[in-house]
């Protein structure tokens, strides 16, 4: 599945981990579409790596952080920032699924 709104940048850590970062700033009329893509990525991670969410340093396979804010512009916009990271196996699987 290709993503329309989220364009992930990938970086690798020194400890066989990786991080995908994406940001989208959209008019409010498109916010639900962006949220749906985020929900799809997170649902895939939960299903594929079930029960293994948590910081890698605590034994988890993957974790994610989402921040959402509204921008006071004309027209108003919503800004999404998501970071998804995990082990090498998780990152390879995410890249294969959504790359």
Protein backbone atom coordinates (compact mmCIF):
# COMPACT_ATOMS: atom_id res chain seq x y z
CA UNK A 1 0.00 0.00 0.00
CA UNK A 2 1.37 3.39 -0.90
CA UNK A 3 0.66 6.36 1.31
CA UNK A 4 -0.63 9.60 -0.15
CA UNK A 5 -0.11 12.02 2.73
CA UNK A 6 2.71 10.51 4.77
CA UNK A 7 6.23 10.51 3.33
CA UNK A 8 8.51 8.81 5.83
CA UNK A 9 12.19 9.66 6.21
CA UNK A 10 14.24 6.79 7.58
CA UNK A 11 17.34 6.84 9.75
CA UNK A 12 19.27 4.01 11.35
CA UNK A 13 20.69 3.89 14.82
CA UNK A 14 23.98 2.33 15.91
CA UNK A 15 22.14 -0.42 17.81
CA UNK A 16 20.26 -2.26 15.00
CA UNK A 17 17.27 0.04 15.33
CA UNK A 18 15.67 2.49 12.95
CA UNK A 19 13.26 5.40 12.97
CA UNK A 20 10.69 6.56 10.43
CA UNK A 21 9.61 10.22 10.69
CA UNK A 22 6.76 11.85 8.78
CA UNK A 23 5.02 15.18 9.00
CA UNK A 24 1.94 16.46 7.21
CA UNK A 25 0.37 19.89 7.41
CA UNK A 26 -3.02 19.95 5.70
CA UNK A 27 -6.16 22.02 5.49
CA UNK A 28 -8.75 20.74 7.96
CA UNK A 29 -10.77 19.16 5.15
CA UNK A 30 -7.95 16.65 4.58
CA UNK A 31 -7.14 15.95 8.24
CA UNK A 32 -9.31 12.83 8.37
CA UNK A 33 -7.44 11.36 5.39
CA UNK A 34 -4.08 11.88 7.09
CA UNK A 35 -5.40 10.42 10.34
CA UNK A 36 -6.69 7.40 8.40
CA UNK A 37 -3.21 6.78 6.97
CA UNK A 38 -1.69 7.06 10.45
CA UNK A 39 -4.31 4.66 11.80
CA UNK A 40 -3.53 2.22 8.98
CA UNK A 41 0.20 2.22 9.72
CA UNK A 42 -0.35 1.79 13.46
CA UNK A 43 -2.98 -0.94 12.96
CA UNK A 44 -0.57 -2.81 10.68
CA UNK A 45 2.19 -2.54 13.30
CA UNK A 46 -0.14 -3.71 16.08
CA UNK A 47 -1.34 -6.68 14.01
CA UNK A 48 2.02 -7.70 12.57
CA UNK A 49 4.01 -7.22 15.77
CA UNK A 50 1.20 -7.91 18.22
CA UNK A 51 2.04 -7.52 21.88
CA UNK A 52 5.50 -6.20 21.12
CA UNK A 53 4.92 -2.47 21.30
CA UNK A 54 7.24 -0.63 23.65
CA UNK A 55 10.65 1.00 23.76
CA UNK A 56 13.33 -1.24 22.28
CA UNK A 57 15.56 -0.60 25.29
CA UNK A 58 12.81 -2.13 27.44
CA UNK A 59 12.45 -5.20 25.23
CA UNK A 60 9.84 -3.88 22.80
CA UNK A 61 9.98 -4.49 19.07
CA UNK A 62 8.52 -1.13 18.02
CA UNK A 63 6.97 2.06 19.33
CA UNK A 64 5.36 5.21 17.96
CA UNK A 65 4.70 8.79 18.96
CA UNK A 66 2.09 11.01 17.35
CA UNK A 67 1.68 14.75 17.83
CA UNK A 68 -1.19 16.70 16.36
CA UNK A 69 -1.62 20.46 16.48
CA UNK A 70 -3.78 23.07 14.81
CA UNK A 71 -2.17 25.94 12.95
CA UNK A 72 -3.86 29.33 13.09
CA UNK A 73 -3.62 30.10 9.39
CA UNK A 74 -6.11 31.09 6.74
CA UNK A 75 -7.44 28.58 5.93
CA UNK A 76 -6.81 26.69 9.19
CA UNK A 77 -4.48 23.71 9.00
CA UNK A 78 -3.76 20.65 11.11
CA UNK A 79 -0.19 19.45 11.54
CA UNK A 80 0.60 15.78 12.16
CA UNK A 81 4.01 14.56 13.23
CA UNK A 82 4.59 10.82 13.67
CA UNK A 83 7.69 8.91 14.64
CA UNK A 84 7.69 5.12 14.33
CA UNK A 85 10.77 3.19 15.33
CA UNK A 86 11.90 -0.25 16.21
CA UNK A 87 14.19 -3.16 15.59
CA UNK A 88 15.79 -3.88 12.24
CA UNK A 89 13.19 -6.61 11.55
CA UNK A 90 10.32 -4.21 12.29
CA UNK A 91 11.81 -1.46 10.13
CA UNK A 92 12.36 -3.83 7.20
CA UNK A 93 8.77 -5.06 7.46
CA UNK A 94 7.36 -1.53 7.64
CA UNK A 95 9.44 -0.45 4.65
CA UNK A 96 8.26 -3.48 2.64
CA UNK A 97 4.63 -2.77 3.51
CA UNK A 98 4.55 1.01 3.08
CA UNK A 99 7.89 1.83 1.41
